[in-house]
Protein backbone atom coordinates (compact mmCIF):
# COMPACT_ATOMS: atom_id res chain seq x y z
CA MET A 1 9.38 -4.57 16.98
CA ARG A 2 6.97 -3.31 19.63
CA VAL A 3 3.37 -2.66 18.55
CA ALA A 4 0.57 -1.14 20.65
CA LEU A 5 -3.15 -0.64 20.00
CA ILE A 6 -5.54 2.14 21.02
CA GLY A 7 -9.17 1.15 20.42
CA CYS A 8 -10.06 -2.54 20.70
CA GLY A 9 -13.44 -2.86 19.01
CA ARG A 10 -14.88 -3.82 15.64
CA ILE A 11 -12.12 -2.86 13.21
CA ALA A 12 -9.41 -3.74 15.73
CA TYR A 13 -10.25 -7.45 15.61
CA GLU A 14 -13.98 -8.25 16.06
CA LEU A 15 -14.71 -8.34 12.30
CA GLU A 16 -12.59 -11.50 12.09
CA ARG A 17 -15.74 -13.26 13.34
CA ASP A 18 -17.75 -12.15 10.28
CA ALA A 19 -18.07 -15.21 8.05
CA LEU A 20 -18.64 -13.06 4.93
CA ARG A 21 -15.43 -11.08 5.20
CA TYR A 22 -12.12 -12.09 3.67
CA LYS A 23 -9.47 -12.85 6.28
CA PRO A 24 -7.63 -11.17 7.81
CA CYS A 25 -9.86 -8.10 7.70
CA THR A 26 -8.77 -6.22 10.83
CA HIS A 27 -5.68 -4.65 12.35
CA LEU A 28 -4.98 -7.42 14.84
CA GLY A 29 -5.87 -10.08 12.28
CA ALA A 30 -3.13 -8.73 10.02
CA LEU A 31 -0.64 -8.40 12.89
CA ARG A 32 -1.33 -11.96 14.01
CA HIS A 33 -0.56 -13.14 10.46
CA PHE A 34 2.85 -11.41 10.49
CA GLN A 35 3.56 -12.51 14.05
CA LYS A 36 3.47 -16.15 12.90
CA ARG A 37 6.55 -15.57 10.74
CA ASP A 38 8.26 -12.80 12.70
CA ALA A 39 9.13 -13.72 16.28
CA ALA A 40 10.38 -10.17 16.92
CA LEU A 41 6.86 -8.74 16.51
CA ASN A 42 5.63 -8.08 20.03
CA LEU A 43 2.25 -6.63 21.12
CA THR A 44 3.05 -4.54 24.19
CA GLY A 45 -0.12 -2.61 25.02
CA PHE A 46 -3.91 -2.51 24.54
CA CYS A 47 -6.09 0.51 25.37
CA ASP A 48 -9.87 0.93 25.31
CA ILE A 49 -12.37 2.92 27.36
CA ASP A 50 -13.86 -0.49 28.17
CA PRO A 51 -11.10 -2.51 29.88
CA GLU A 52 -12.89 -5.78 29.10
CA ARG A 53 -12.50 -5.09 25.38
CA ALA A 54 -8.80 -4.39 25.84
CA ILE A 55 -8.43 -7.69 27.69
CA ALA A 56 -10.35 -9.52 24.93
CA ALA A 57 -8.07 -8.02 22.26
CA ALA A 58 -4.96 -9.07 24.20
CA THR A 59 -6.41 -12.56 24.53
CA PHE A 60 -7.02 -12.65 20.76
CA MET A 61 -3.32 -11.90 20.25
CA ARG A 62 -2.20 -14.18 23.11
CA ALA A 63 -0.27 -11.20 24.39
CA ASP A 64 0.42 -12.31 27.95
CA GLY A 65 2.01 -9.58 30.02
CA ALA A 66 0.95 -6.72 27.72
CA MET A 67 -0.22 -3.47 29.29
CA ILE A 68 -4.01 -3.18 29.63
CA THR A 69 -5.22 0.36 30.19
CA THR A 70 -8.04 2.84 29.62
CA ASP A 71 -5.59 5.77 29.28
CA TYR A 72 -4.17 6.23 25.76
CA ARG A 73 -1.32 8.32 27.15
CA GLU A 74 0.08 5.30 28.94
CA ILE A 75 0.28 3.43 25.63
CA ILE A 76 2.03 6.34 23.91
CA ALA A 77 4.48 6.62 26.82
CA GLN A 78 5.67 3.10 25.93
CA GLN A 79 7.12 4.61 22.71
CA PRO A 80 6.04 1.67 20.53
CA ASP A 81 7.72 1.24 17.16
CA LEU A 82 4.25 1.08 15.61
CA LEU A 83 1.09 2.53 17.12
CA VAL A 84 -2.32 1.45 15.80
CA ILE A 85 -5.19 3.88 16.36
CA ALA A 86 -8.55 2.12 15.95
CA SER A 87 -10.56 4.18 18.42
CA SER A 88 -13.69 6.22 17.66
CA THR A 89 -13.25 9.14 15.27
CA ALA A 90 -13.97 11.62 18.06
CA ALA A 91 -10.77 10.47 19.82
CA HIS A 92 -8.49 10.49 16.77
CA HIS A 93 -7.31 14.08 16.95
CA LYS A 94 -6.11 14.06 20.55
CA VAL A 95 -4.52 10.61 20.19
CA LEU A 96 -2.78 11.41 16.91
CA ALA A 97 -1.57 14.82 18.07
CA THR A 98 -0.22 13.37 21.32
CA ALA A 99 1.53 10.49 19.52
CA ILE A 100 3.16 12.75 16.93
CA LYS A 101 4.34 15.23 19.56
CA ALA A 102 5.74 12.29 21.56
CA GLY A 103 7.76 11.18 18.54
CA VAL A 104 6.13 7.82 17.84
CA LYS A 105 7.89 6.68 14.67
CA ARG A 106 5.07 4.97 12.78
CA ILE A 107 1.31 5.11 13.17
CA VAL A 108 -1.54 3.28 11.43
CA ALA A 109 -4.74 5.29 11.89
CA GLU A 110 -8.35 4.52 11.09
CA LYS A 111 -10.31 6.74 8.74
CA PRO A 112 -11.46 9.45 8.83
CA LEU A 113 -8.35 10.82 10.47
CA VAL A 114 -10.21 13.53 12.36
CA PHE A 115 -13.72 14.83 12.97
CA SER A 116 -13.62 18.39 11.64
CA ALA A 117 -11.84 20.91 9.44
CA ALA A 118 -10.40 22.65 12.52
CA GLU A 119 -8.89 19.39 13.74
CA ALA A 120 -7.50 18.64 10.27
CA ARG A 121 -5.78 22.04 10.05
CA ASN A 122 -4.31 21.66 13.51
CA LEU A 123 -3.02 18.17 12.74
CA GLN A 124 -1.39 19.47 9.54
CA GLN A 125 0.61 21.90 11.66
CA VAL A 126 1.48 19.28 14.28
CA ALA A 127 2.62 16.79 11.62
CA GLU A 128 4.78 19.34 9.79
CA SER A 129 6.79 19.94 12.97
CA GLY A 130 7.11 16.24 13.85
CA ASN A 131 8.85 13.18 12.42
CA SER A 132 6.08 10.58 12.61
CA ILE A 133 4.92 8.61 9.56
CA VAL A 134 1.14 8.09 9.55
CA LEU A 135 -0.56 5.51 7.32
CA PRO A 136 -4.34 6.04 7.09
CA ASN A 137 -6.37 2.84 6.73
CA TYR A 138 -8.07 3.30 3.38
CA GLU A 139 -7.76 -0.34 2.42
CA ARG A 140 -8.85 0.08 -1.21
CA ARG A 141 -5.46 1.67 -1.96
CA TYR A 142 -4.00 -1.76 -1.29
CA HIS A 143 -6.61 -3.72 -3.28
CA GLU A 144 -5.37 -5.27 -6.55
CA LYS A 145 -8.45 -4.14 -8.48
CA TYR A 146 -8.01 -0.46 -7.63
CA ILE A 147 -4.25 -0.61 -8.13
CA ALA A 148 -4.87 -1.90 -11.67
CA PHE A 149 -7.56 0.74 -12.21
CA ARG A 150 -5.10 3.45 -11.21
CA ARG A 151 -2.50 2.08 -13.62
CA GLU A 152 -5.02 2.23 -16.48
CA GLN A 153 -5.81 5.87 -15.77
CA GLN A 154 -2.14 6.84 -15.50
CA ASN A 155 -1.63 5.37 -18.98
CA ALA A 156 -4.61 7.25 -20.43
CA LYS A 157 -3.68 9.71 -23.17
CA LYS A 158 -5.82 12.54 -21.82
CA GLY A 159 -7.62 13.56 -18.65
CA SER A 160 -10.32 11.13 -17.56
CA GLN A 161 -13.94 11.82 -16.70
CA TYR A 162 -15.47 9.94 -13.80
CA ARG A 163 -18.60 9.63 -11.70
CA ALA A 164 -18.63 8.16 -8.20
CA PHE A 165 -21.77 7.31 -6.26
CA PHE A 166 -22.51 6.24 -2.72
CA ALA A 167 -25.95 5.23 -1.47
CA ALA A 168 -26.58 4.78 2.22
CA GLY A 169 -29.31 4.59 4.79
CA GLY A 170 -27.64 6.74 7.45
CA ALA A 171 -29.50 9.35 9.44
CA SER A 172 -27.36 12.33 8.44
CA LEU A 173 -24.81 13.34 5.83
CA TYR A 174 -22.94 15.70 8.11
CA ALA A 175 -20.83 15.30 11.23
CA ASP A 176 -22.20 16.46 14.56
CA LYS A 177 -19.67 16.59 17.40
CA ASN A 178 -22.43 17.13 19.96
CA THR A 179 -23.99 13.75 19.26
CA GLY A 180 -20.78 11.96 18.27
CA ASP A 181 -22.24 11.23 14.80
CA GLU A 182 -19.52 11.55 12.13
CA GLY A 183 -22.14 11.51 9.35
CA VAL A 184 -22.24 9.53 6.14
CA LEU A 185 -19.80 11.83 4.31
CA LEU A 186 -16.96 11.28 6.77
CA HIS A 187 -17.85 7.65 7.45
CA ASP A 188 -18.47 6.42 3.89
CA THR A 189 -18.05 9.02 1.12
CA THR A 190 -14.54 9.57 2.45
CA HIS A 191 -13.60 6.27 0.77
CA LEU A 192 -14.59 7.64 -2.65
CA VAL A 193 -12.69 10.90 -2.12
CA ASP A 194 -9.63 8.87 -1.16
CA LEU A 195 -10.06 6.64 -4.22
CA VAL A 196 -10.14 9.55 -6.67
CA GLN A 197 -7.10 11.07 -4.93
CA PHE A 198 -5.33 7.74 -5.32
CA ILE A 199 -6.37 7.05 -8.92
CA PHE A 200 -6.48 10.51 -10.51
CA GLY A 201 -4.00 12.43 -8.36
CA ARG A 202 -4.00 15.63 -6.35
CA ILE A 203 -7.27 17.57 -6.22
CA THR A 204 -6.81 21.16 -7.39
CA GLY A 205 -10.37 22.46 -7.44
CA HIS A 206 -13.86 21.68 -6.22
CA ARG A 207 -17.47 22.90 -6.09
CA ILE A 208 -20.09 21.62 -3.69
CA ILE A 209 -23.88 21.37 -3.77
CA ALA A 210 -25.02 20.46 -0.28
CA ALA A 211 -28.53 19.53 0.79
CA LYS A 212 -30.06 17.60 3.66
CA ARG A 213 -30.09 14.18 2.01
CA ARG A 214 -28.00 14.65 -1.12
CA HIS A 215 -24.46 15.93 -1.53
CA VAL A 216 -22.56 16.49 -4.78
CA ILE A 217 -18.90 17.45 -5.21
CA TYR A 218 -17.40 18.46 -8.56
CA LEU A 219 -13.65 17.84 -8.56
CA SER A 220 -10.73 18.67 -10.83
CA HIS A 221 -7.27 17.12 -10.58
CA GLU A 222 -3.73 18.16 -11.38
CA SER A 223 -3.66 15.31 -13.93
CA GLY A 224 -6.47 16.93 -15.95
CA ALA A 225 -9.10 14.47 -14.76
CA GLU A 226 -12.53 15.81 -13.78
CA GLY A 227 -15.39 14.13 -12.00
CA VAL A 228 -18.28 14.18 -9.60
CA ILE A 229 -18.96 12.34 -6.34
CA GLU A 230 -22.61 12.03 -5.38
CA THR A 231 -23.93 10.82 -2.01
CA SER A 232 -27.60 10.02 -1.46
CA LEU A 233 -29.49 8.95 1.66
CA GLY A 234 -32.69 6.95 1.77
CA VAL A 235 -32.07 4.91 -1.38
CA GLY A 236 -32.68 1.63 0.45
CA ALA A 237 -29.28 0.16 -0.39
CA PHE A 238 -25.68 0.32 0.75
CA HIS A 239 -23.68 0.76 -2.44
CA LEU A 240 -20.33 2.26 -3.50
CA GLU A 241 -19.11 2.58 -7.08
CA LEU A 242 -16.64 4.51 -9.22
CA GLN A 243 -17.29 4.85 -12.94
CA VAL A 244 -14.85 6.10 -15.58
CA MET A 245 -15.81 7.09 -19.14
CA THR A 246 -13.15 6.62 -21.85
CA GLN A 247 -13.19 6.76 -25.66
CA ASN A 248 -13.81 3.01 -25.86
CA GLU A 249 -15.90 2.02 -22.85
CA ARG A 250 -17.54 2.86 -19.58
CA LYS A 251 -15.99 0.94 -16.69
CA THR A 252 -17.46 0.71 -13.21
CA VAL A 253 -15.76 -0.73 -10.12
CA GLY A 254 -17.43 -1.29 -6.76
CA ASN A 255 -17.51 -3.53 -3.75
CA GLY A 256 -17.09 -7.03 -5.15
CA PHE A 257 -17.67 -6.33 -8.85
CA THR A 258 -16.38 -4.76 -12.07
CA LEU A 259 -18.69 -3.71 -14.92
CA ARG A 260 -17.61 -3.01 -18.50
CA GLU A 261 -19.77 -1.45 -21.25
CA LYS A 262 -18.02 -1.21 -24.63
CA ILE A 263 -18.87 1.66 -26.99
CA VAL A 264 -20.31 0.23 -30.20
CA ALA A 265 -22.51 1.27 -33.13
CA SER A 266 -25.94 2.26 -31.82
CA PRO A 267 -28.80 -0.14 -32.67
CA HIS A 268 -31.22 2.81 -32.47
CA TYR A 269 -29.56 5.72 -34.32
CA ARG A 270 -27.63 5.80 -37.59
CA LYS A 271 -24.07 7.10 -37.41
CA LEU A 272 -24.16 7.25 -33.64
CA ARG A 273 -22.54 5.05 -31.01
CA GLY A 274 -23.73 3.83 -27.65
CA TYR A 275 -22.93 1.43 -24.83
CA ALA A 276 -23.21 -2.30 -25.43
CA PRO A 277 -24.89 -4.49 -22.79
CA ALA A 278 -22.82 -4.58 -19.62
CA ILE A 279 -20.45 -7.42 -18.85
CA ARG A 280 -20.25 -7.91 -15.10
CA ALA A 281 -17.39 -9.72 -13.37
CA ILE A 282 -17.43 -10.71 -9.72
CA ASP A 283 -14.21 -10.27 -7.76
CA LYS A 284 -12.23 -13.45 -7.32
CA PRO A 285 -11.82 -14.82 -3.79
CA MET A 286 -9.25 -12.89 -1.78
CA THR A 287 -5.81 -14.49 -1.50
CA THR A 288 -3.17 -13.89 1.13
CA ALA A 289 -0.83 -12.40 -1.49
CA LYS A 290 -3.43 -9.77 -2.47
CA ASN A 291 -5.03 -9.09 0.92
CA PRO A 292 -5.28 -5.28 1.41
CA PHE A 293 -4.80 -5.41 5.18
CA LEU A 294 -1.66 -7.49 4.80
CA ARG A 295 -0.31 -5.10 2.18
CA LEU A 296 -0.99 -2.14 4.49
CA TYR A 297 0.83 -3.78 7.38
CA ASP A 298 3.70 -4.96 5.21
CA GLN A 299 4.29 -1.27 4.48
CA ALA A 300 3.74 -0.19 8.08
CA LEU A 301 6.09 -2.81 9.55
CA TYR A 302 8.77 -3.26 6.90
CA GLY A 303 8.34 -0.67 4.14
CA LYS A 304 9.58 2.88 3.57
CA PRO A 305 6.39 4.93 3.42
CA ASP A 306 6.13 8.71 3.58
CA ASN A 307 3.37 11.09 4.66
CA THR A 308 1.90 11.80 1.21
CA HIS A 309 -1.24 9.78 1.91
CA PHE A 310 -1.52 11.23 5.41
CA PHE A 311 -1.74 14.80 4.12
CA GLU A 312 -4.18 13.75 1.38
CA ALA A 313 -6.38 12.17 4.06
CA LEU A 314 -6.40 15.45 5.99
CA GLU A 315 -7.41 17.30 2.79
CA ASN A 316 -10.16 14.69 2.43
CA VAL A 317 -11.63 15.82 5.77
CA LEU A 318 -11.33 19.49 4.84
CA LEU A 319 -13.25 18.84 1.62
CA LEU A 320 -16.05 16.81 3.22
CA SER A 321 -16.46 19.25 6.11
CA LYS A 322 -17.62 22.01 3.75
CA GLN A 323 -21.41 22.25 3.38
CA ARG A 324 -21.48 25.07 0.84
């Protein structure tokens, strides 16, 4: 199996040096794991606008003899069995469109898939006329905690209500192609949109309140679930959470933690109920068997995926590109 990489920076492999991250936590980290047990897995090409980064990535993989280039078209011309796109968001559209038109069989692509609504619509058309399978890298879909959370909601007797919140310190909420800034919505809030698509199902309706430093989306789902995603700048923290309200409790999941608040008799009002003090659980250390990156690449290399997630990820961009 021939694998090639376009974009050789942080998420490609450099995050493997971060002592706080579980391992592997990058595309090449996951591929190196599978390469140890699959001798047929062969890295054939590395592309980056900085050739030194491409060389460093090839060295990381010990890929002697692999193509090193600054031209993504040369990588696509190799017709790899799996193409990994880890370049900047601004380059995603042209690389993805070229790869799909060239008939590359399988593609793993970084989020967000594209930069704008126009690019998303164009890629929908390109993909519908091609045969490529594209797996977007929203790693939480492969995380045990969120898989279990989804299962709980699918077993719920009626439509769920949820609230998702992201706090960031970015300069702008919105993408700006002129400056190359993809904005906090496409860079970060996109994870929450993808999570509610994954957990509650297809989005059938939305309303947006857009301001300079705050953004709120009201969403409804085919499953009957309804919720809101709020993004706020200038809070002084980097924080992502998804909270679901049921008849028995309020449950919150976020990066590294789960919070449960049972509904009990209120200590302040007769005949009323309220939330008990929260019980917080910290995520257990990541294991190889549950590693999201390894689960993603197990699907990409050996599974039978389809393009359902790909088209949801394009809808994700369409939703977050609207400012009204």
